[in-house]
Amino acid sequence: MNANTFGNGLFVSGWSGIQTGAASSSGNGIFTSCTSSGSSFCTGIYAQTNVGSGSNGTAGYFSSTGGRGVWALGTTGVYATSTLSSGGRGVDAVTDFIGQVALRGNSLNGTAIEANTDNGIGILARTNGAFAQSTITAQTASYQPAMSAININAGTVSPPIGLYAQTVRGNAVEGLATSSSALNGVQGVTNSSSASGIFGQNNSQAGFGAAGRAFGSGTAVLGDLVNGTTGFAGLFNGRLHVNGLISSTMGKAFMIDHPLDPENKFLVHAAVESNELKNVYDGNATLGPNGEATIRLPSYFDSLNENFRYQLTPIGAPASLYVKQRITGGVFSVAGGQPGQEFSWQVTGTRKDAVAKRAAFNPEPVKATSERGKFVTPEVFGTTARSIFNAAPEAVHTTPVPSLAPPDLSRGPSQHPNPPSLQ
C-alpha cells in the first residue's frame, strides 16, 4: 500500500492486471476504499489499458477504440453505490470517441441494465453535440418491448409517470412502424375509466393538442366504439369545424335533455336532408290595407342564394295568396288576401357562394372500382362484406399489449450492503 495522498495503493501491469475470486457467495472479489482527505480526486480502483481494439481494461480508462473501461462478469456484473446526498454517481461512463458506446448492457435472458432510485432519477441520459444521435436507443428481436418503463407509485409524486421525454427542438416522442405488416407507430392503453389511452396537450394559444394525417384514401383520425350503444366514437367539448363534406349514415341530429323530463329523458331531432346545399328562410307577416305585404330578406341573401322557391300559407281564413313580385334586391311582395290577414311564408335557395361551388357534390355517385362490393353499412343488408370507410376497424386493437408485472426490486441495494468501515 502507498500512504501518499496521490499515490497508488496497488500498482500492477500485465495481460490481466488483477484477477481475483471470492471464496464464498457473500465475499468480495476486490474491495477497495479510498479514505484520504488530502484530495478530492481519490479513486478506489483505477485501471488503464492502452492495448488495441477488442481488449479490456479492468476498470477506468481505455485509450484505444474497442477497449472497455469496465468489464465484469457475474450475477451482478458491476454494482456501484454513491452515498452522497447530492451530486454523487453510482456509475459514471464516458466515451470520447464518435460513434462509440459509453455504457452498454447485454443480457441473454435477464435484464441488461436496471436502475432503481428512491428519490432521484433512475437513468439520466443527455446528448449535447451538434451531431449527436439518439440519447437512448432500445432494440429487440422478440415480441417483448424494446424498452419498458414502469412506475409502481411507491413515492408521493402525483401523478406518477412511467416514461417522461422532453426536448427543446423536434419531437419529444416519435414512433415509427416501418413495414406494411407493422402495427401502430404509437399505442397507448389505460385501464382507467376517467383517463385516456393517448392524451395530447398544447400549452400555446394556437396549435393542436392532437393531430392525425393520412394520404390517399386513408383516414387521418379513427374513433372506434366497440360493443357499445351509449358511448361515442368521438366527443368534442367545444366548437367543431370541418373543411370539407360531412357524411353520415344515420343523419345529423341534436341531442339535449328533454325539456319536460330533463332528469330521465333525452330529446333528439334529426336535421333536414336534401340533395342540394340549401338554405331555408321563413317567417310570419300581415297583409296591409291593400291586401299586400312586402317581405325583406337578410342583406346577404342575393349574394348567397339562387334558384328561389316560395311557400305561402294563410292563417285564420282561406286566401288566394300569391307572390306578386319575385325576389329582387333581397325583397319580394305578396298579395291576394284580405287586409289585416296573417300568413306564413317560406323561401328556399341553393347556395352559390365560392365555397359551395367548390364543395358541389353528386347525389348519386358511382362507387370506385376499389369500393365495389363493399358497403357503407353492410350490417343492414345482411352481408358480411367489409365497410367501405374502414375495411378493418378492429385494426386499432390488434397490437398485443404485454402484461408487464412490476419490476423485481428484491435485487436492489438491500442485497448489497455497504462494506464494513475500514476506520
Protein backbone atom coordinates (compact mmCIF):
# COMPACT_ATOMS: atom_id res chain seq x y z
CA MET A 1 0.00 0.00 0.00
CA ASN A 2 1.02 3.57 -0.55
CA ALA A 3 0.19 6.09 2.15
CA ASN A 4 0.83 9.16 0.00
CA THR A 5 -2.17 11.34 -0.85
CA PHE A 6 -1.73 10.94 -4.59
CA GLY A 7 -0.04 7.55 -4.53
CA ASN A 8 -1.25 4.15 -5.65
CA GLY A 9 -2.44 1.67 -3.08
CA LEU A 10 -1.60 -1.17 -5.55
CA PHE A 11 0.07 -0.92 -8.96
CA VAL A 12 0.17 -3.91 -11.31
CA SER A 13 0.75 -4.49 -15.03
CA GLY A 14 0.44 -7.38 -17.43
CA TRP A 15 -2.16 -9.17 -19.57
CA SER A 16 -4.51 -9.39 -16.60
CA GLY A 17 -3.56 -6.65 -14.15
CA ILE A 18 -5.65 -8.10 -11.34
CA GLN A 19 -7.65 -11.30 -11.29
CA THR A 20 -9.36 -12.44 -8.10
CA GLY A 21 -12.19 -14.64 -6.95
CA ALA A 22 -14.33 -14.70 -3.84
CA ALA A 23 -14.32 -17.90 -1.81
CA SER A 24 -17.92 -17.56 -0.66
CA SER A 25 -21.23 -16.36 -2.09
CA SER A 26 -21.08 -13.18 0.01
CA GLY A 27 -17.39 -12.33 -0.34
CA ASN A 28 -15.89 -9.57 -2.48
CA GLY A 29 -13.50 -10.39 -5.31
CA ILE A 30 -11.92 -6.95 -4.94
CA PHE A 31 -12.77 -4.43 -2.27
CA THR A 32 -11.05 -1.05 -2.02
CA SER A 33 -11.62 2.09 -0.03
CA CYS A 34 -10.06 5.49 -0.53
CA THR A 35 -10.01 7.37 2.80
CA SER A 36 -7.54 10.17 2.03
CA SER A 37 -8.81 13.66 2.85
CA GLY A 38 -5.99 15.45 1.06
CA SER A 39 -7.54 15.43 -2.40
CA SER A 40 -10.96 15.30 -3.98
CA PHE A 41 -9.60 13.11 -6.81
CA CYS A 42 -9.08 9.98 -4.75
CA THR A 43 -10.04 6.81 -6.66
CA GLY A 44 -10.91 3.44 -5.11
CA ILE A 45 -9.89 1.46 -8.22
CA TYR A 46 -8.21 2.98 -11.25
CA ALA A 47 -7.18 0.80 -14.16
CA GLN A 48 -5.97 1.59 -17.65
CA THR A 49 -5.48 -0.26 -20.89
CA ASN A 50 -3.55 1.01 -23.90
CA VAL A 51 -3.98 -2.16 -25.90
CA GLY A 52 -5.70 -2.18 -29.30
CA SER A 53 -9.22 -2.99 -30.39
CA GLY A 54 -11.02 -5.73 -28.50
CA SER A 55 -9.04 -5.53 -25.28
CA ASN A 56 -10.46 -4.95 -21.84
CA GLY A 57 -9.35 -2.68 -19.04
CA THR A 58 -10.07 -3.88 -15.53
CA ALA A 59 -11.70 -0.59 -14.76
CA GLY A 60 -11.50 3.08 -15.52
CA TYR A 61 -9.83 4.24 -18.70
CA PHE A 62 -9.14 3.00 -22.21
CA SER A 63 -7.11 4.86 -24.81
CA SER A 64 -7.96 2.82 -27.91
CA THR A 65 -11.23 2.19 -29.72
CA GLY A 66 -12.61 -1.19 -28.75
CA GLY A 67 -11.15 -1.26 -25.24
CA ARG A 68 -13.53 -1.40 -22.29
CA GLY A 69 -13.39 0.89 -19.29
CA VAL A 70 -15.08 -1.71 -17.09
CA TRP A 71 -15.57 -5.37 -17.89
CA ALA A 72 -17.16 -7.52 -15.22
CA LEU A 73 -18.85 -10.90 -15.22
CA GLY A 74 -21.10 -12.27 -12.50
CA THR A 75 -24.61 -12.36 -11.08
CA THR A 76 -24.20 -8.63 -10.72
CA GLY A 77 -21.55 -7.59 -13.22
CA VAL A 78 -20.91 -4.19 -11.70
CA TYR A 79 -22.53 -2.84 -8.54
CA ALA A 80 -21.83 0.78 -7.66
CA THR A 81 -23.34 2.98 -4.99
CA SER A 82 -22.92 6.67 -4.24
CA THR A 83 -23.63 7.72 -0.65
CA LEU A 84 -23.51 11.46 -1.27
CA SER A 85 -26.74 13.33 -0.55
CA SER A 86 -26.43 15.18 -3.88
CA GLY A 87 -24.19 15.14 -6.90
CA GLY A 88 -22.85 11.61 -6.47
CA ARG A 89 -22.90 8.96 -9.18
CA GLY A 90 -23.04 5.24 -8.75
CA VAL A 91 -21.65 4.74 -12.27
CA ASP A 92 -20.22 7.47 -14.49
CA ALA A 93 -19.47 6.26 -18.01
CA VAL A 94 -17.86 8.48 -20.64
CA THR A 95 -16.51 7.86 -24.13
CA ASP A 96 -14.50 10.33 -26.18
CA PHE A 97 -14.85 8.51 -29.48
CA ILE A 98 -17.57 9.35 -32.01
CA GLY A 99 -19.99 6.51 -32.55
CA GLN A 100 -18.82 4.53 -29.51
CA VAL A 101 -20.97 3.49 -26.56
CA ALA A 102 -20.35 4.94 -23.08
CA LEU A 103 -22.48 2.36 -21.27
CA ARG A 104 -23.89 -0.83 -22.72
CA GLY A 105 -25.82 -3.69 -21.17
CA ASN A 106 -26.26 -7.11 -22.81
CA SER A 107 -28.35 -9.95 -21.42
CA LEU A 108 -29.37 -13.29 -22.91
CA ASN A 109 -32.32 -13.90 -20.62
CA GLY A 110 -32.33 -11.33 -17.84
CA THR A 111 -32.22 -7.56 -17.53
CA ALA A 112 -29.38 -5.81 -19.34
CA ILE A 113 -29.49 -2.61 -17.27
CA GLU A 114 -31.64 -1.96 -14.23
CA ALA A 115 -31.88 1.37 -12.44
CA ASN A 116 -33.64 1.81 -9.10
CA THR A 117 -33.99 5.05 -7.21
CA ASP A 118 -35.84 6.09 -4.07
CA ASN A 119 -35.96 9.84 -4.69
CA GLY A 120 -33.79 10.73 -7.67
CA ILE A 121 -33.55 9.77 -11.34
CA GLY A 122 -33.13 6.14 -12.35
CA ILE A 123 -31.38 6.86 -15.65
CA LEU A 124 -30.44 10.31 -16.92
CA ALA A 125 -29.15 10.43 -20.49
CA ARG A 126 -28.13 13.52 -22.44
CA THR A 127 -26.81 14.18 -25.93
CA ASN A 128 -25.31 17.64 -26.36
CA GLY A 129 -23.17 17.53 -29.52
CA ALA A 130 -24.22 19.06 -32.81
CA PHE A 131 -24.04 15.62 -34.46
CA ALA A 132 -25.41 13.65 -31.53
CA GLN A 133 -27.73 10.77 -32.27
CA SER A 134 -30.32 9.10 -30.05
CA THR A 135 -29.86 9.66 -26.34
CA ILE A 136 -31.29 6.21 -25.57
CA THR A 137 -31.84 3.51 -28.20
CA ALA A 138 -33.56 0.23 -27.38
CA GLN A 139 -33.79 -2.69 -29.81
CA THR A 140 -35.42 -6.08 -29.57
CA ALA A 141 -35.80 -9.04 -31.91
CA SER A 142 -38.57 -10.65 -29.89
CA TYR A 143 -42.22 -9.85 -29.32
CA GLN A 144 -41.41 -8.26 -25.99
CA PRO A 145 -41.00 -4.48 -25.60
CA ALA A 146 -37.66 -2.99 -26.60
CA MET A 147 -37.99 -0.62 -23.66
CA SER A 148 -40.29 -0.88 -20.66
CA ALA A 149 -40.80 1.87 -18.10
CA ILE A 150 -42.94 1.05 -15.07
CA ASN A 151 -43.82 3.33 -12.19
CA ILE A 152 -45.24 1.42 -9.23
CA ASN A 153 -46.08 4.67 -7.43
CA ALA A 154 -44.03 3.87 -4.36
CA GLY A 155 -43.40 7.55 -3.70
CA THR A 156 -45.56 10.64 -3.24
CA VAL A 157 -45.33 12.11 -6.75
CA SER A 158 -48.77 12.69 -8.26
CA PRO A 159 -49.47 11.68 -10.89
CA PRO A 160 -46.67 9.10 -11.28
CA ILE A 161 -45.01 8.91 -14.70
CA GLY A 162 -43.79 5.71 -16.35
CA LEU A 163 -41.71 7.38 -19.07
CA TYR A 164 -41.02 11.10 -19.50
CA ALA A 165 -39.40 12.63 -22.57
CA GLN A 166 -38.56 16.30 -23.10
CA THR A 167 -36.94 18.14 -25.97
CA VAL A 168 -36.16 21.75 -26.81
CA ARG A 169 -36.46 21.18 -30.55
CA GLY A 170 -38.06 18.36 -32.51
CA ASN A 171 -40.39 15.64 -31.28
CA ALA A 172 -40.26 14.56 -27.65
CA VAL A 173 -41.56 11.09 -28.57
CA GLU A 174 -41.70 9.63 -32.06
CA GLY A 175 -42.95 6.20 -33.06
CA LEU A 176 -42.31 4.62 -36.46
CA ALA A 177 -43.64 1.32 -37.79
CA THR A 178 -41.52 0.71 -40.88
CA SER A 179 -43.15 -2.20 -42.72
CA SER A 180 -46.55 -2.65 -44.34
CA SER A 181 -47.27 -5.50 -41.94
CA ALA A 182 -46.30 -3.43 -38.89
CA LEU A 183 -48.90 -2.17 -36.46
CA ASN A 184 -49.27 1.17 -34.73
CA GLY A 185 -46.49 3.74 -34.63
CA VAL A 186 -47.56 4.73 -31.11
CA GLN A 187 -50.07 2.89 -28.96
CA GLY A 188 -51.43 3.96 -25.61
CA VAL A 189 -53.60 1.83 -23.34
CA THR A 190 -55.19 2.62 -19.99
CA ASN A 191 -57.46 0.68 -17.65
CA SER A 192 -58.85 3.85 -16.07
CA SER A 193 -62.46 4.90 -16.70
CA SER A 194 -61.55 8.58 -16.37
CA ALA A 195 -58.30 8.81 -18.37
CA SER A 196 -57.17 8.46 -21.99
CA GLY A 197 -55.09 5.85 -23.77
CA ILE A 198 -53.27 8.70 -25.50
CA PHE A 199 -53.50 12.32 -24.35
CA GLY A 200 -52.19 15.36 -26.19
CA GLN A 201 -52.00 18.90 -24.84
CA ASN A 202 -50.81 22.15 -26.40
CA ASN A 203 -49.98 24.91 -23.93
CA SER A 204 -49.73 27.70 -26.50
CA GLN A 205 -52.63 29.87 -27.65
CA ALA A 206 -52.67 28.13 -31.03
CA GLY A 207 -51.61 24.78 -32.47
CA PHE A 208 -53.10 21.36 -31.86
CA GLY A 209 -53.43 19.13 -28.83
CA ALA A 210 -53.55 16.07 -31.11
CA ALA A 211 -53.28 15.74 -34.88
CA GLY A 212 -53.69 12.94 -37.41
CA ARG A 213 -52.68 12.79 -41.07
CA ALA A 214 -53.33 10.26 -43.81
CA PHE A 215 -52.76 10.17 -47.56
CA GLY A 216 -54.88 8.97 -50.47
CA SER A 217 -57.99 7.14 -49.36
CA GLY A 218 -56.77 6.65 -45.79
CA THR A 219 -58.34 8.01 -42.60
CA ALA A 220 -56.49 10.68 -40.62
CA VAL A 221 -58.32 10.07 -37.34
CA LEU A 222 -60.35 6.96 -36.47
CA GLY A 223 -62.64 6.67 -33.48
CA ASP A 224 -63.93 3.13 -32.94
CA LEU A 225 -66.60 2.39 -30.33
CA VAL A 226 -66.55 -1.36 -29.64
CA ASN A 227 -69.63 -3.19 -28.37
CA GLY A 228 -71.29 -0.02 -27.13
CA THR A 229 -74.64 1.64 -27.70
CA THR A 230 -74.45 4.56 -25.29
CA GLY A 231 -70.86 5.71 -25.75
CA PHE A 232 -69.38 7.84 -28.53
CA ALA A 233 -66.72 7.15 -31.14
CA GLY A 234 -65.89 10.86 -30.94
CA LEU A 235 -66.66 13.50 -28.31
CA PHE A 236 -65.82 17.20 -28.64
CA ASN A 237 -66.28 19.76 -25.86
CA GLY A 238 -66.33 22.98 -27.84
CA ARG A 239 -66.76 24.15 -31.38
CA LEU A 240 -66.26 21.73 -34.28
CA HIS A 241 -65.19 22.82 -37.76
CA VAL A 242 -64.79 20.71 -40.89
CA ASN A 243 -63.10 21.85 -44.10
CA GLY A 244 -64.98 19.54 -46.43
CA LEU A 245 -68.08 17.43 -46.77
CA ILE A 246 -69.71 15.83 -43.74
CA SER A 247 -71.29 12.44 -44.39
CA SER A 248 -73.33 10.30 -42.03
CA THR A 249 -75.24 7.04 -42.28
CA MET A 250 -77.74 7.91 -39.54
CA GLY A 251 -78.36 11.57 -40.31
CA LYS A 252 -77.30 14.62 -38.36
CA ALA A 253 -79.12 15.33 -35.12
CA PHE A 254 -79.07 17.32 -31.92
CA MET A 255 -79.50 15.71 -28.50
CA ILE A 256 -80.49 17.67 -25.40
CA ASP A 257 -82.01 16.94 -22.02
CA HIS A 258 -85.74 16.59 -22.54
CA PRO A 259 -87.43 19.90 -21.59
CA LEU A 260 -90.33 18.09 -19.88
CA ASP A 261 -88.26 15.43 -18.10
CA PRO A 262 -84.57 16.51 -18.15
CA GLU A 263 -83.55 14.07 -15.39
CA ASN A 264 -84.75 10.91 -17.15
CA LYS A 265 -85.01 11.55 -20.90
CA PHE A 266 -83.21 12.98 -23.92
CA LEU A 267 -84.77 14.84 -26.85
CA VAL A 268 -83.30 14.03 -30.27
CA HIS A 269 -84.17 15.79 -33.54
CA ALA A 270 -82.71 14.92 -36.92
CA ALA A 271 -81.56 17.57 -39.38
CA VAL A 272 -83.46 18.07 -42.65
CA GLU A 273 -81.78 16.23 -45.53
CA SER A 274 -81.58 17.45 -49.12
CA ASN A 275 -79.85 16.56 -52.37
CA GLU A 276 -78.72 20.19 -52.61
CA LEU A 277 -76.82 22.66 -50.48
CA LYS A 278 -79.94 24.53 -49.47
CA ASN A 279 -80.79 27.49 -47.23
CA VAL A 280 -84.24 27.99 -45.69
CA TYR A 281 -85.78 31.32 -44.61
CA ASP A 282 -89.28 31.72 -43.16
CA GLY A 283 -91.48 33.91 -41.01
CA ASN A 284 -94.95 35.34 -40.38
CA ALA A 285 -96.38 38.57 -41.84
CA THR A 286 -99.65 40.53 -42.03
CA LEU A 287 -101.29 41.89 -45.18
CA GLY A 288 -101.62 45.68 -45.34
CA PRO A 289 -104.72 47.86 -46.13
CA ASN A 290 -104.43 46.96 -49.81
CA GLY A 291 -104.20 43.22 -49.13
CA GLU A 292 -100.46 43.12 -49.88
CA ALA A 293 -97.22 42.71 -47.88
CA THR A 294 -93.52 43.26 -48.53
CA ILE A 295 -91.00 40.76 -47.16
CA ARG A 296 -87.37 41.80 -46.66
CA LEU A 297 -84.73 39.11 -46.51
CA PRO A 298 -81.22 39.39 -44.96
CA SER A 299 -78.83 41.75 -46.72
CA TYR A 300 -76.57 38.88 -47.80
CA PHE A 301 -79.41 36.83 -49.33
CA ASP A 302 -78.79 37.64 -53.01
CA SER A 303 -75.03 37.06 -52.75
CA LEU A 304 -75.52 33.66 -51.14
CA ASN A 305 -78.54 32.13 -52.89
CA GLU A 306 -80.04 31.31 -56.26
CA ASN A 307 -82.91 29.15 -57.62
CA PHE A 308 -85.51 30.59 -55.22
CA ARG A 309 -88.67 28.69 -54.18
CA TYR A 310 -91.67 30.14 -52.31
CA GLN A 311 -94.29 28.80 -49.88
CA LEU A 312 -97.30 30.87 -48.64
CA THR A 313 -99.90 29.72 -46.06
CA PRO A 314 -102.85 31.90 -44.92
CA ILE A 315 -103.75 31.81 -41.22
CA GLY A 316 -107.34 32.06 -39.88
CA ALA A 317 -109.19 32.00 -43.20
CA PRO A 318 -108.60 30.79 -46.74
CA ALA A 319 -106.99 33.18 -49.20
CA SER A 320 -105.61 33.15 -52.73
CA LEU A 321 -102.15 34.31 -51.74
CA TYR A 322 -99.52 34.61 -54.44
CA VAL A 323 -96.05 36.10 -55.00
CA LYS A 324 -96.73 39.41 -56.68
CA GLN A 325 -93.07 40.40 -57.11
CA ARG A 326 -90.18 37.91 -57.20
CA ILE A 327 -87.11 38.43 -55.04
CA THR A 328 -85.14 41.42 -56.23
CA GLY A 329 -82.50 43.03 -54.07
CA GLY A 330 -83.48 40.79 -51.16
CA VAL A 331 -87.15 41.87 -51.25
CA PHE A 332 -90.35 40.19 -52.52
CA SER A 333 -94.07 41.06 -52.22
CA VAL A 334 -97.22 39.02 -51.52
CA ALA A 335 -100.85 39.76 -52.49
CA GLY A 336 -104.27 38.05 -52.81
CA GLY A 337 -105.70 38.18 -49.29
CA GLN A 338 -107.89 40.32 -47.03
CA PRO A 339 -106.41 43.40 -45.32
CA GLY A 340 -105.07 42.52 -41.87
CA GLN A 341 -104.86 38.78 -42.62
CA GLU A 342 -101.86 36.95 -41.15
CA PHE A 343 -99.89 34.41 -43.17
CA SER A 344 -96.70 32.33 -43.01
CA TRP A 345 -94.07 32.42 -45.72
CA GLN A 346 -91.02 30.30 -46.59
CA VAL A 347 -88.27 30.86 -49.14
CA THR A 348 -85.52 28.39 -50.02
CA GLY A 349 -82.45 28.96 -52.12
CA THR A 350 -79.48 26.88 -53.18
CA ARG A 351 -76.06 28.17 -52.24
CA LYS A 352 -74.00 29.84 -54.96
CA ASP A 353 -71.03 31.13 -52.95
CA ALA A 354 -67.48 30.17 -53.90
CA VAL A 355 -67.13 27.63 -51.08
CA ALA A 356 -70.37 25.88 -52.09
CA LYS A 357 -69.32 25.67 -55.73
CA ARG A 358 -66.05 24.04 -54.70
CA ALA A 359 -67.92 21.63 -52.43
CA ALA A 360 -70.59 20.72 -55.01
CA PHE A 361 -71.41 17.03 -54.83
CA ASN A 362 -73.12 14.41 -56.96
CA PRO A 363 -76.08 12.92 -55.04
CA GLU A 364 -75.75 9.59 -56.92
CA PRO A 365 -72.04 8.87 -57.33
CA VAL A 366 -70.88 5.52 -58.75
CA LYS A 367 -68.61 3.53 -56.47
CA ALA A 368 -64.98 3.36 -57.49
CA THR A 369 -63.56 0.01 -58.57
CA SER A 370 -61.85 -0.47 -55.21
CA GLU A 371 -65.13 0.28 -53.39
CA ARG A 372 -67.43 -2.04 -55.29
CA GLY A 373 -68.66 -5.00 -53.30
CA LYS A 374 -68.22 -3.01 -50.08
CA PHE A 375 -70.95 -1.21 -48.14
CA VAL A 376 -71.31 1.87 -46.00
CA THR A 377 -73.45 -0.12 -43.55
CA PRO A 378 -73.08 -3.80 -44.50
CA GLU A 379 -74.93 -4.99 -41.38
CA VAL A 380 -78.29 -3.55 -42.51
CA PHE A 381 -78.09 -5.50 -45.78
CA GLY A 382 -77.40 -8.79 -44.01
CA THR A 383 -74.00 -9.17 -45.64
CA THR A 384 -70.58 -9.89 -44.22
CA ALA A 385 -68.93 -7.61 -46.75
CA ARG A 386 -66.46 -5.08 -45.45
CA SER A 387 -67.29 -1.49 -44.64
CA ILE A 388 -66.23 0.95 -47.34
CA PHE A 389 -64.97 3.53 -44.85
CA ASN A 390 -62.92 1.22 -42.67
CA ALA A 391 -62.01 -2.16 -44.08
CA ALA A 392 -60.76 -3.39 -40.73
CA PRO A 393 -62.00 -1.29 -37.79
CA GLU A 394 -60.54 -3.80 -35.37
CA ALA A 395 -57.05 -2.88 -36.59
CA VAL A 396 -56.66 -0.42 -33.75
CA HIS A 397 -56.98 -3.31 -31.29
CA THR A 398 -54.69 -5.90 -32.85
CA THR A 399 -51.47 -4.73 -31.25
CA PRO A 400 -50.69 -7.17 -28.42
CA VAL A 401 -50.39 -5.34 -25.14
CA PRO A 402 -47.87 -7.22 -23.00
CA SER A 403 -48.77 -7.93 -19.41
CA LEU A 404 -45.89 -6.34 -17.56
CA ALA A 405 -45.50 -7.16 -13.90
CA PRO A 406 -43.83 -4.57 -11.66
CA PRO A 407 -40.05 -4.94 -11.64
CA ASP A 408 -38.47 -7.25 -9.09
CA LEU A 409 -36.94 -4.85 -6.61
CA SER A 410 -35.52 -7.66 -4.48
CA ARG A 411 -32.28 -7.39 -6.45
CA GLY A 412 -31.79 -3.81 -5.35
CA PRO A 413 -29.32 -2.36 -2.84
CA SER A 414 -30.75 -4.38 0.05
CA GLN A 415 -28.80 -7.40 -1.18
CA HIS A 416 -25.63 -5.37 -1.46
CA PRO A 417 -25.00 -3.83 1.97
CA ASN A 418 -22.33 -1.23 2.35
CA PRO A 419 -18.91 -2.83 3.08
CA PRO A 420 -17.63 -2.58 6.63
CA SER A 421 -15.89 0.58 7.57
CA LEU A 422 -12.08 0.44 7.47
CA GLN A 423 -11.69 3.16 10.06
